[in-house]
């Protein structure tokens, strides 16, 4: 996943970036399956690799396919923001318990209640189904809303007719950055 992330950051062809983000999402879904979080893996595969990739491809159909290089002055400020964010995230993890610790508070907060009383409270024999259908019903409703919104966005993008490219894309093509349909027509005759 690290190699794919580095490639995403380094490549300037946006079509390749979209494909690599889809691959990154699939790798993330595979990692979730390895960690026995199949429900999260399913959502990551459906939304991250599926719907998001289609939405980004639809966006690329309406815009240019090459990234414009950022001015050098923004690179330093972006690097500072990234380093500060990394320091804050690492600081936030210093107070966490060791991974897999059975005495961690997360294992004794509500897990015992869910495992011991869910069938009596909810009436469903399967603990996972009772947690998803009752205790986490608002969360499941939110996930369903996200998937529905992504599907509606895909249908909205696919339902539009192809819009003409913006004027600055044609100006870039004259500089050799992006090939335009008019330029390729003129060179073929």
N, C-alpha and C. Protein backbone atom coordinates (compact mmCIF):
# COMPACT_ATOMS: atom_id res chain seq x y z
N UNK A 1 0.82 -1.19 0.00
CA UNK A 1 0.00 0.00 0.00
C UNK A 1 0.87 1.26 0.00
N UNK A 2 2.01 1.18 0.65
CA UNK A 2 2.90 2.34 0.69
C UNK A 2 3.43 2.65 -0.70
N UNK A 3 3.78 1.63 -1.46
CA UNK A 3 4.29 1.83 -2.82
C UNK A 3 3.22 2.47 -3.70
N UNK A 4 1.99 2.01 -3.59
CA UNK A 4 0.89 2.59 -4.36
C UNK A 4 0.66 4.04 -3.94
N UNK A 5 0.73 4.34 -2.65
CA UNK A 5 0.54 5.71 -2.17
C UNK A 5 1.64 6.64 -2.69
N UNK A 6 2.88 6.16 -2.72
CA UNK A 6 3.97 6.97 -3.26
C UNK A 6 3.77 7.20 -4.75
N UNK A 7 3.33 6.18 -5.46
CA UNK A 7 3.08 6.33 -6.90
C UNK A 7 1.95 7.33 -7.14
N UNK A 8 0.91 7.31 -6.31
CA UNK A 8 -0.19 8.26 -6.46
C UNK A 8 0.32 9.69 -6.28
N UNK A 9 1.20 9.88 -5.31
CA UNK A 9 1.72 11.23 -5.04
C UNK A 9 2.66 11.71 -6.14
N UNK A 10 3.34 10.80 -6.84
CA UNK A 10 4.36 11.20 -7.81
C UNK A 10 3.84 11.34 -9.24
N UNK A 11 2.79 10.63 -9.60
CA UNK A 11 2.31 10.61 -10.99
C UNK A 11 1.48 11.85 -11.27
N UNK A 12 1.64 12.42 -12.47
CA UNK A 12 0.89 13.61 -12.88
C UNK A 12 -0.25 13.29 -13.83
N UNK A 13 -0.31 12.07 -14.35
CA UNK A 13 -1.40 11.66 -15.21
C UNK A 13 -2.58 11.28 -14.32
N UNK A 14 -3.66 12.05 -14.38
CA UNK A 14 -4.76 11.86 -13.45
C UNK A 14 -5.52 10.56 -13.69
N UNK A 15 -5.54 10.06 -14.93
CA UNK A 15 -6.18 8.77 -15.18
C UNK A 15 -5.44 7.66 -14.43
N UNK A 16 -4.11 7.69 -14.48
CA UNK A 16 -3.32 6.70 -13.75
C UNK A 16 -3.53 6.84 -12.25
N UNK A 17 -3.67 8.08 -11.77
CA UNK A 17 -3.92 8.30 -10.35
C UNK A 17 -5.26 7.71 -9.94
N UNK A 18 -6.29 7.88 -10.76
CA UNK A 18 -7.60 7.31 -10.45
C UNK A 18 -7.52 5.79 -10.38
N UNK A 19 -6.82 5.18 -11.32
CA UNK A 19 -6.69 3.72 -11.31
C UNK A 19 -5.92 3.25 -10.06
N UNK A 20 -4.88 3.99 -9.71
CA UNK A 20 -4.09 3.61 -8.53
C UNK A 20 -4.88 3.80 -7.23
N UNK A 21 -5.76 4.81 -7.16
CA UNK A 21 -6.58 4.95 -5.96
C UNK A 21 -7.57 3.80 -5.85
N UNK A 22 -8.07 3.31 -6.97
CA UNK A 22 -8.92 2.12 -6.94
C UNK A 22 -8.15 0.91 -6.45
N UNK A 23 -6.91 0.75 -6.91
CA UNK A 23 -6.07 -0.35 -6.44
C UNK A 23 -5.77 -0.20 -4.95
N UNK A 24 -5.51 1.03 -4.51
CA UNK A 24 -5.26 1.28 -3.09
C UNK A 24 -6.47 0.87 -2.25
N UNK A 25 -7.66 1.21 -2.71
CA UNK A 25 -8.87 0.83 -1.98
C UNK A 25 -9.05 -0.68 -1.92
N UNK A 26 -8.75 -1.36 -3.03
CA UNK A 26 -8.85 -2.82 -3.02
C UNK A 26 -7.83 -3.44 -2.06
N UNK A 27 -6.63 -2.88 -2.02
CA UNK A 27 -5.63 -3.37 -1.07
C UNK A 27 -6.08 -3.11 0.37
N UNK A 28 -6.70 -1.96 0.59
CA UNK A 28 -7.23 -1.67 1.92
C UNK A 28 -8.33 -2.64 2.30
N UNK A 29 -9.20 -2.96 1.34
CA UNK A 29 -10.26 -3.94 1.61
C UNK A 29 -9.67 -5.31 1.93
N UNK A 30 -8.61 -5.69 1.21
CA UNK A 30 -7.96 -6.97 1.50
C UNK A 30 -7.34 -6.96 2.90
N UNK A 31 -6.78 -5.83 3.30
CA UNK A 31 -6.21 -5.73 4.65
C UNK A 31 -7.31 -5.85 5.71
N UNK A 32 -8.48 -5.27 5.44
CA UNK A 32 -9.59 -5.40 6.39
C UNK A 32 -10.07 -6.85 6.49
N UNK A 33 -10.06 -7.57 5.37
CA UNK A 33 -10.44 -8.98 5.41
C UNK A 33 -9.46 -9.77 6.26
N UNK A 34 -8.17 -9.47 6.11
CA UNK A 34 -7.15 -10.16 6.91
C UNK A 34 -7.37 -9.89 8.41
N UNK A 35 -7.85 -8.69 8.74
CA UNK A 35 -8.09 -8.34 10.14
C UNK A 35 -9.48 -8.76 10.61
N UNK A 36 -10.19 -9.58 9.82
CA UNK A 36 -11.53 -10.08 10.15
C UNK A 36 -12.57 -8.97 10.28
N UNK A 37 -12.42 -7.91 9.53
CA UNK A 37 -13.43 -6.85 9.50
C UNK A 37 -14.08 -6.87 8.12
N UNK A 38 -14.84 -7.93 7.86
CA UNK A 38 -15.39 -8.15 6.52
C UNK A 38 -16.42 -7.09 6.17
N UNK A 39 -17.20 -6.60 7.14
CA UNK A 39 -18.19 -5.57 6.83
C UNK A 39 -17.52 -4.27 6.39
N UNK A 40 -16.42 -3.92 7.04
CA UNK A 40 -15.68 -2.72 6.64
C UNK A 40 -15.02 -2.94 5.28
N UNK A 41 -14.52 -4.15 5.05
CA UNK A 41 -13.90 -4.47 3.76
C UNK A 41 -14.91 -4.37 2.63
N UNK A 42 -16.12 -4.83 2.87
CA UNK A 42 -17.17 -4.75 1.84
C UNK A 42 -17.49 -3.30 1.52
N UNK A 43 -17.61 -2.47 2.54
CA UNK A 43 -17.90 -1.05 2.32
C UNK A 43 -16.75 -0.37 1.60
N UNK A 44 -15.51 -0.69 1.97
CA UNK A 44 -14.33 -0.10 1.31
C UNK A 44 -14.28 -0.51 -0.16
N UNK A 45 -14.56 -1.77 -0.44
CA UNK A 45 -14.53 -2.23 -1.83
C UNK A 45 -15.65 -1.58 -2.65
N UNK A 46 -16.85 -1.49 -2.07
CA UNK A 46 -17.98 -0.93 -2.81
C UNK A 46 -17.84 0.57 -3.02
N UNK A 47 -17.53 1.29 -1.95
CA UNK A 47 -17.48 2.75 -2.05
C UNK A 47 -16.11 3.22 -2.52
N UNK A 48 -15.04 2.71 -1.90
CA UNK A 48 -13.70 3.19 -2.24
C UNK A 48 -13.24 2.78 -3.61
N UNK A 49 -13.32 1.48 -3.92
CA UNK A 49 -12.83 1.00 -5.21
C UNK A 49 -13.89 1.11 -6.30
N UNK A 50 -15.15 0.98 -5.94
CA UNK A 50 -16.21 0.97 -6.94
C UNK A 50 -16.74 2.35 -7.28
N UNK A 51 -17.55 2.89 -6.38
CA UNK A 51 -18.25 4.14 -6.67
C UNK A 51 -17.30 5.33 -6.80
N UNK A 52 -16.30 5.42 -5.94
CA UNK A 52 -15.37 6.55 -6.01
C UNK A 52 -14.59 6.55 -7.31
N UNK A 53 -14.17 5.38 -7.76
CA UNK A 53 -13.43 5.29 -9.02
C UNK A 53 -14.31 5.72 -10.18
N UNK A 54 -15.55 5.29 -10.20
CA UNK A 54 -16.47 5.69 -11.27
C UNK A 54 -16.72 7.19 -11.23
N UNK A 55 -16.90 7.76 -10.03
CA UNK A 55 -17.11 9.21 -9.92
C UNK A 55 -15.88 9.98 -10.41
N UNK A 56 -14.69 9.53 -10.05
CA UNK A 56 -13.48 10.23 -10.49
C UNK A 56 -13.29 10.09 -12.00
N UNK A 57 -13.61 8.94 -12.56
CA UNK A 57 -13.52 8.79 -14.02
C UNK A 57 -14.53 9.69 -14.72
N UNK A 58 -15.72 9.81 -14.15
CA UNK A 58 -16.71 10.73 -14.71
C UNK A 58 -16.24 12.17 -14.64
N UNK A 59 -15.58 12.52 -13.55
CA UNK A 59 -15.03 13.88 -13.42
C UNK A 59 -13.92 14.11 -14.43
N UNK A 60 -13.08 13.10 -14.65
CA UNK A 60 -12.02 13.24 -15.65
C UNK A 60 -12.58 13.42 -17.06
N UNK A 61 -13.74 12.82 -17.32
CA UNK A 61 -14.36 12.99 -18.64
C UNK A 61 -14.80 14.43 -18.86
N UNK A 62 -15.04 15.16 -17.78
CA UNK A 62 -15.50 16.54 -17.89
C UNK A 62 -14.39 17.57 -17.72
N UNK A 63 -13.21 17.13 -17.33
CA UNK A 63 -12.09 18.05 -17.09
C UNK A 63 -10.87 17.58 -17.86
N UNK A 64 -9.73 18.13 -17.51
CA UNK A 64 -8.47 17.75 -18.15
C UNK A 64 -7.88 16.52 -17.48
N UNK A 65 -7.00 15.84 -18.18
CA UNK A 65 -6.42 14.61 -17.62
C UNK A 65 -4.99 14.80 -17.12
N UNK A 66 -4.48 16.01 -17.18
CA UNK A 66 -3.13 16.28 -16.69
C UNK A 66 -3.19 17.24 -15.51
N UNK A 67 -2.34 16.98 -14.53
CA UNK A 67 -2.25 17.84 -13.36
C UNK A 67 -1.38 19.05 -13.69
N UNK A 68 -1.81 20.20 -13.24
CA UNK A 68 -0.98 21.40 -13.40
C UNK A 68 0.02 21.44 -12.26
N UNK A 69 1.29 21.66 -12.54
CA UNK A 69 2.27 21.71 -11.46
C UNK A 69 2.02 22.89 -10.53
N UNK A 70 2.18 22.64 -9.24
CA UNK A 70 1.98 23.69 -8.24
C UNK A 70 3.24 24.55 -8.16
N UNK A 71 3.07 25.84 -7.84
CA UNK A 71 4.25 26.69 -7.65
C UNK A 71 5.10 26.17 -6.50
N UNK A 72 6.40 26.42 -6.57
CA UNK A 72 7.33 25.89 -5.57
C UNK A 72 7.08 26.46 -4.18
N UNK A 73 6.51 27.65 -4.08
CA UNK A 73 6.29 28.24 -2.76
C UNK A 73 5.24 27.46 -1.97
N UNK A 74 4.28 26.81 -2.64
CA UNK A 74 3.25 26.04 -1.94
C UNK A 74 3.78 24.70 -1.44
N UNK A 75 4.86 24.20 -2.01
CA UNK A 75 5.39 22.91 -1.62
C UNK A 75 5.92 22.95 -0.20
N UNK A 76 6.62 24.00 0.17
CA UNK A 76 7.18 24.11 1.51
C UNK A 76 6.07 24.21 2.55
N UNK A 77 5.06 25.04 2.30
CA UNK A 77 3.97 25.18 3.27
C UNK A 77 3.18 23.88 3.38
N UNK A 78 3.00 23.17 2.28
CA UNK A 78 2.30 21.88 2.33
C UNK A 78 3.11 20.86 3.12
N UNK A 79 4.42 20.86 2.94
CA UNK A 79 5.28 19.95 3.69
C UNK A 79 5.21 20.23 5.18
N UNK A 80 5.17 21.50 5.55
CA UNK A 80 5.06 21.87 6.97
C UNK A 80 3.74 21.38 7.55
N UNK A 81 2.64 21.53 6.81
CA UNK A 81 1.33 21.08 7.28
C UNK A 81 1.32 19.56 7.44
N UNK A 82 1.91 18.84 6.49
CA UNK A 82 1.94 17.38 6.56
C UNK A 82 2.76 16.91 7.76
N UNK A 83 3.91 17.52 7.98
CA UNK A 83 4.76 17.12 9.10
C UNK A 83 4.07 17.41 10.42
N UNK A 84 3.45 18.59 10.55
CA UNK A 84 2.74 18.92 11.79
C UNK A 84 1.56 17.96 12.03
N UNK A 85 0.83 17.63 10.98
CA UNK A 85 -0.27 16.68 11.12
C UNK A 85 0.25 15.31 11.55
N UNK A 86 1.36 14.87 10.97
CA UNK A 86 1.95 13.60 11.37
C UNK A 86 2.39 13.60 12.82
N UNK A 87 2.96 14.70 13.28
CA UNK A 87 3.39 14.79 14.69
C UNK A 87 2.18 14.72 15.61
N UNK A 88 1.11 15.42 15.27
CA UNK A 88 -0.10 15.39 16.09
C UNK A 88 -0.71 13.99 16.12
N UNK A 89 -0.74 13.30 14.98
CA UNK A 89 -1.28 11.94 14.93
C UNK A 89 -0.44 10.96 15.74
N UNK A 90 0.87 11.08 15.64
CA UNK A 90 1.74 10.20 16.43
C UNK A 90 1.58 10.50 17.93
N UNK A 91 1.47 11.76 18.28
CA UNK A 91 1.25 12.12 19.68
C UNK A 91 -0.06 11.53 20.19
N UNK A 92 -1.09 11.52 19.35
CA UNK A 92 -2.38 10.96 19.73
C UNK A 92 -2.34 9.46 19.96
N UNK A 93 -1.41 8.76 19.33
CA UNK A 93 -1.34 7.31 19.49
C UNK A 93 -0.49 6.89 20.69
N UNK A 94 0.22 7.81 21.32
CA UNK A 94 1.09 7.45 22.44
C UNK A 94 0.31 6.96 23.65
N UNK A 95 -0.95 7.37 23.78
CA UNK A 95 -1.75 7.00 24.94
C UNK A 95 -2.58 5.74 24.70
N UNK A 96 -2.46 5.16 23.51
CA UNK A 96 -3.25 3.97 23.20
C UNK A 96 -2.66 2.72 23.85
N UNK A 97 -3.51 1.74 24.15
CA UNK A 97 -2.97 0.48 24.68
C UNK A 97 -2.24 -0.30 23.59
N UNK A 98 -1.47 -1.27 23.99
CA UNK A 98 -0.74 -2.12 23.05
C UNK A 98 -1.74 -2.89 22.21
N UNK A 99 -1.45 -3.03 20.91
CA UNK A 99 -2.35 -3.72 20.00
C UNK A 99 -2.56 -5.17 20.45
N UNK A 100 -3.83 -5.57 20.57
CA UNK A 100 -4.16 -6.92 20.97
C UNK A 100 -4.22 -7.14 22.47
N UNK A 101 -4.05 -6.08 23.26
CA UNK A 101 -4.07 -6.21 24.71
C UNK A 101 -5.49 -6.56 25.18
N UNK A 102 -5.66 -7.71 25.82
CA UNK A 102 -6.98 -8.14 26.27
C UNK A 102 -7.51 -7.31 27.43
N UNK A 103 -6.65 -6.60 28.11
CA UNK A 103 -7.09 -5.76 29.23
C UNK A 103 -7.37 -4.33 28.80
N UNK A 104 -7.34 -4.03 27.50
CA UNK A 104 -7.61 -2.69 27.01
C UNK A 104 -9.06 -2.32 27.31
N UNK A 105 -9.34 -1.05 27.59
CA UNK A 105 -10.70 -0.64 27.93
C UNK A 105 -11.74 -0.95 26.84
N UNK A 106 -11.33 -0.95 25.60
CA UNK A 106 -12.29 -1.21 24.52
C UNK A 106 -12.89 -2.61 24.62
N UNK A 107 -12.14 -3.55 25.19
CA UNK A 107 -12.63 -4.91 25.29
C UNK A 107 -13.56 -5.11 26.49
N UNK A 108 -13.64 -4.14 27.38
CA UNK A 108 -14.47 -4.30 28.57
C UNK A 108 -15.53 -3.21 28.71
N UNK A 109 -15.63 -2.34 27.74
CA UNK A 109 -16.60 -1.25 27.84
C UNK A 109 -18.01 -1.73 27.49
N UNK A 110 -18.24 -2.09 26.25
CA UNK A 110 -19.57 -2.54 25.83
C UNK A 110 -19.56 -3.93 25.22
N UNK A 111 -18.39 -4.48 24.94
CA UNK A 111 -18.33 -5.78 24.28
C UNK A 111 -18.97 -6.87 25.14
N UNK A 112 -18.71 -6.85 26.44
CA UNK A 112 -19.32 -7.84 27.32
C UNK A 112 -20.85 -7.73 27.33
N UNK A 113 -21.32 -6.50 27.30
CA UNK A 113 -22.77 -6.28 27.28
C UNK A 113 -23.38 -6.79 25.98
N UNK A 114 -22.72 -6.49 24.84
CA UNK A 114 -23.23 -6.94 23.54
C UNK A 114 -23.26 -8.46 23.47
N UNK A 115 -22.16 -9.09 23.87
CA UNK A 115 -22.08 -10.55 23.77
C UNK A 115 -23.03 -11.25 24.73
N UNK A 116 -23.20 -10.71 25.93
CA UNK A 116 -24.02 -11.39 26.92
C UNK A 116 -25.50 -11.11 26.82
N UNK A 117 -25.89 -9.90 26.42
CA UNK A 117 -27.30 -9.55 26.50
C UNK A 117 -27.98 -9.23 25.19
N UNK A 118 -27.29 -9.33 24.08
CA UNK A 118 -27.92 -8.91 22.82
C UNK A 118 -29.08 -9.82 22.41
N UNK A 119 -28.96 -11.12 22.61
CA UNK A 119 -30.06 -12.00 22.18
C UNK A 119 -31.30 -11.79 23.04
N UNK A 120 -31.13 -11.49 24.32
CA UNK A 120 -32.29 -11.24 25.18
C UNK A 120 -32.90 -9.87 24.91
N UNK A 121 -32.08 -8.85 24.66
CA UNK A 121 -32.60 -7.49 24.44
C UNK A 121 -33.21 -7.32 23.06
N UNK A 122 -32.55 -7.86 22.04
CA UNK A 122 -32.97 -7.62 20.66
C UNK A 122 -33.86 -8.75 20.15
N UNK A 123 -33.59 -9.97 20.57
CA UNK A 123 -34.39 -11.10 20.14
C UNK A 123 -33.82 -11.82 18.94
N UNK A 124 -32.61 -11.48 18.53
CA UNK A 124 -31.96 -12.15 17.40
C UNK A 124 -30.88 -13.07 17.92
N UNK A 125 -30.78 -14.29 17.39
CA UNK A 125 -29.78 -15.23 17.92
C UNK A 125 -28.35 -14.90 17.49
N UNK A 126 -28.17 -14.23 16.37
CA UNK A 126 -26.84 -13.90 15.86
C UNK A 126 -26.38 -12.57 16.47
N UNK A 127 -25.23 -12.56 17.13
CA UNK A 127 -24.73 -11.36 17.80
C UNK A 127 -24.40 -10.26 16.79
N UNK A 128 -23.76 -10.63 15.67
CA UNK A 128 -23.38 -9.62 14.67
C UNK A 128 -24.62 -8.96 14.09
N UNK A 129 -25.63 -9.73 13.77
CA UNK A 129 -26.87 -9.17 13.22
C UNK A 129 -27.55 -8.27 14.24
N UNK A 130 -27.57 -8.67 15.49
CA UNK A 130 -28.22 -7.84 16.51
C UNK A 130 -27.48 -6.54 16.72
N UNK A 131 -26.16 -6.57 16.66
CA UNK A 131 -25.39 -5.33 16.82
C UNK A 131 -25.64 -4.40 15.64
N UNK A 132 -25.60 -4.93 14.42
CA UNK A 132 -25.79 -4.09 13.24
C UNK A 132 -27.23 -3.60 13.11
N UNK A 133 -28.20 -4.43 13.48
CA UNK A 133 -29.60 -4.07 13.29
C UNK A 133 -30.15 -3.23 14.43
N UNK A 134 -29.58 -3.32 15.60
CA UNK A 134 -30.15 -2.61 16.74
C UNK A 134 -29.20 -1.56 17.31
N UNK A 135 -28.08 -2.00 17.85
CA UNK A 135 -27.19 -1.07 18.55
C UNK A 135 -26.54 -0.08 17.59
N UNK A 136 -26.19 -0.53 16.41
CA UNK A 136 -25.53 0.35 15.44
C UNK A 136 -26.46 0.69 14.28
N UNK A 137 -27.74 0.75 14.50
CA UNK A 137 -28.67 0.95 13.40
C UNK A 137 -28.48 2.32 12.75
N UNK A 138 -28.21 3.36 13.54
CA UNK A 138 -28.00 4.68 12.94
C UNK A 138 -26.72 4.71 12.12
N UNK A 139 -25.70 4.01 12.59
CA UNK A 139 -24.46 3.93 11.83
C UNK A 139 -24.68 3.18 10.52
N UNK A 140 -25.43 2.08 10.59
CA UNK A 140 -25.72 1.32 9.37
C UNK A 140 -26.57 2.15 8.42
N UNK A 141 -27.52 2.92 8.95
CA UNK A 141 -28.33 3.81 8.12
C UNK A 141 -27.44 4.87 7.46
N UNK A 142 -26.47 5.39 8.21
CA UNK A 142 -25.54 6.37 7.62
C UNK A 142 -24.71 5.77 6.51
N UNK A 143 -24.22 4.54 6.69
CA UNK A 143 -23.45 3.88 5.64
C UNK A 143 -24.32 3.64 4.41
N UNK A 144 -25.56 3.26 4.63
CA UNK A 144 -26.48 3.06 3.51
C UNK A 144 -26.72 4.38 2.78
N UNK A 145 -26.83 5.46 3.53
CA UNK A 145 -27.02 6.78 2.92
C UNK A 145 -25.81 7.18 2.09
N UNK A 146 -24.60 6.88 2.57
CA UNK A 146 -23.39 7.19 1.81
C UNK A 146 -23.36 6.42 0.50
N UNK A 147 -23.69 5.13 0.55
CA UNK A 147 -23.69 4.32 -0.67
C UNK A 147 -24.77 4.82 -1.64
N UNK A 148 -25.95 5.18 -1.12
CA UNK A 148 -27.01 5.71 -1.97
C UNK A 148 -26.59 7.03 -2.62
N UNK A 149 -25.95 7.90 -1.84
CA UNK A 149 -25.50 9.18 -2.38
C UNK A 149 -24.44 8.98 -3.46
N UNK A 150 -23.53 8.05 -3.24
CA UNK A 150 -22.51 7.75 -4.26
C UNK A 150 -23.16 7.22 -5.53
N UNK A 151 -24.14 6.34 -5.39
CA UNK A 151 -24.83 5.81 -6.57
C UNK A 151 -25.59 6.90 -7.30
N UNK A 152 -26.24 7.81 -6.55
CA UNK A 152 -26.96 8.91 -7.18
C UNK A 152 -25.99 9.85 -7.91
N UNK A 153 -24.80 10.07 -7.32
CA UNK A 153 -23.79 10.89 -7.99
C UNK A 153 -23.30 10.26 -9.27
N UNK A 154 -23.09 8.95 -9.24
CA UNK A 154 -22.65 8.25 -10.45
C UNK A 154 -23.71 8.37 -11.53
N UNK A 155 -24.96 8.14 -11.17
CA UNK A 155 -26.04 8.25 -12.16
C UNK A 155 -26.18 9.68 -12.69
N UNK A 156 -25.97 10.67 -11.83
CA UNK A 156 -26.05 12.07 -12.28
C UNK A 156 -24.94 12.40 -13.26
N UNK A 157 -23.72 11.90 -12.99
CA UNK A 157 -22.61 12.18 -13.89
C UNK A 157 -22.78 11.43 -15.21
N UNK A 158 -23.17 10.18 -15.13
CA UNK A 158 -23.33 9.39 -16.36
C UNK A 158 -24.50 9.87 -17.19
N UNK A 159 -25.48 10.52 -16.55
CA UNK A 159 -26.65 10.99 -17.28
C UNK A 159 -26.43 12.30 -18.01
N UNK A 160 -25.35 13.02 -17.70
CA UNK A 160 -25.09 14.30 -18.36
C UNK A 160 -24.49 14.08 -19.74
N UNK A 161 -24.78 15.02 -20.63
CA UNK A 161 -24.11 14.97 -21.92
C UNK A 161 -22.70 15.52 -21.75
N UNK A 162 -21.81 15.15 -22.63
CA UNK A 162 -20.42 15.57 -22.50
C UNK A 162 -20.32 17.07 -22.73
N UNK A 163 -19.77 17.76 -21.73
CA UNK A 163 -19.62 19.21 -21.81
C UNK A 163 -18.34 19.55 -22.56
N UNK A 164 -18.31 20.70 -23.26
CA UNK A 164 -17.06 21.09 -23.93
C UNK A 164 -15.98 21.40 -22.91
N UNK A 165 -14.73 21.16 -23.31
CA UNK A 165 -13.61 21.41 -22.40
C UNK A 165 -13.45 22.91 -22.18
N UNK A 166 -12.90 23.24 -21.03
CA UNK A 166 -12.71 24.65 -20.70
C UNK A 166 -11.64 25.27 -21.60
N UNK A 167 -11.68 26.58 -21.72
CA UNK A 167 -10.79 27.29 -22.63
C UNK A 167 -9.32 27.12 -22.23
N UNK A 168 -9.01 27.10 -20.92
CA UNK A 168 -7.60 27.01 -20.52
C UNK A 168 -7.01 25.64 -20.88
N UNK A 169 -7.84 24.63 -21.07
CA UNK A 169 -7.32 23.34 -21.50
C UNK A 169 -6.77 23.42 -22.92
N UNK A 170 -7.47 24.19 -23.78
CA UNK A 170 -6.98 24.37 -25.14
C UNK A 170 -5.70 25.20 -25.16
N UNK A 171 -5.61 26.18 -24.24
CA UNK A 171 -4.39 26.97 -24.14
C UNK A 171 -3.23 26.09 -23.70
N UNK A 172 -3.48 25.18 -22.75
CA UNK A 172 -2.44 24.25 -22.31
C UNK A 172 -2.01 23.33 -23.44
N UNK A 173 -2.97 22.95 -24.29
CA UNK A 173 -2.64 22.04 -25.37
C UNK A 173 -1.72 22.71 -26.39
N UNK A 174 -1.85 24.02 -26.54
CA UNK A 174 -0.95 24.75 -27.43
C UNK A 174 0.46 24.76 -26.88
N UNK A 175 0.59 24.67 -25.53
CA UNK A 175 1.91 24.62 -24.91
C UNK A 175 2.44 23.20 -24.85
N UNK A 176 1.62 22.22 -25.26
CA UNK A 176 2.08 20.84 -25.29
C UNK A 176 1.74 20.04 -24.06
N UNK A 177 0.92 20.59 -23.13
CA UNK A 177 0.58 19.86 -21.92
C UNK A 177 -0.54 18.86 -22.13
N UNK A 178 -1.59 19.24 -22.87
CA UNK A 178 -2.76 18.39 -23.06
C UNK A 178 -3.09 18.37 -24.54
N UNK A 179 -3.42 17.22 -25.07
CA UNK A 179 -3.82 17.15 -26.48
C UNK A 179 -5.30 17.41 -26.58
N UNK A 180 -5.69 18.32 -27.47
CA UNK A 180 -7.11 18.64 -27.65
C UNK A 180 -7.62 17.98 -28.91
N UNK A 181 -8.94 17.79 -29.01
CA UNK A 181 -9.50 17.16 -30.21
C UNK A 181 -9.24 17.98 -31.47
N UNK A 182 -9.29 19.34 -31.35
CA UNK A 182 -9.07 20.17 -32.53
C UNK A 182 -7.62 20.05 -33.03
N UNK A 183 -6.66 19.98 -32.09
CA UNK A 183 -5.26 19.90 -32.48
C UNK A 183 -4.99 18.58 -33.19
N UNK A 184 -5.60 17.48 -32.68
CA UNK A 184 -5.36 16.19 -33.32
C UNK A 184 -6.05 16.11 -34.68
N UNK A 185 -7.21 16.81 -34.84
CA UNK A 185 -7.86 16.82 -36.14
C UNK A 185 -7.02 17.57 -37.16
N UNK A 186 -6.45 18.70 -36.73
CA UNK A 186 -5.66 19.50 -37.63
C UNK A 186 -4.39 18.81 -38.07
N UNK A 187 -3.79 17.99 -37.22
CA UNK A 187 -2.54 17.32 -37.57
C UNK A 187 -2.76 16.12 -38.45
N UNK A 188 -3.99 15.57 -38.46
CA UNK A 188 -4.23 14.37 -39.26
C UNK A 188 -4.56 14.70 -40.70
N UNK A 189 -4.92 15.95 -41.00
CA UNK A 189 -5.28 16.29 -42.39
C UNK A 189 -4.13 16.93 -43.11
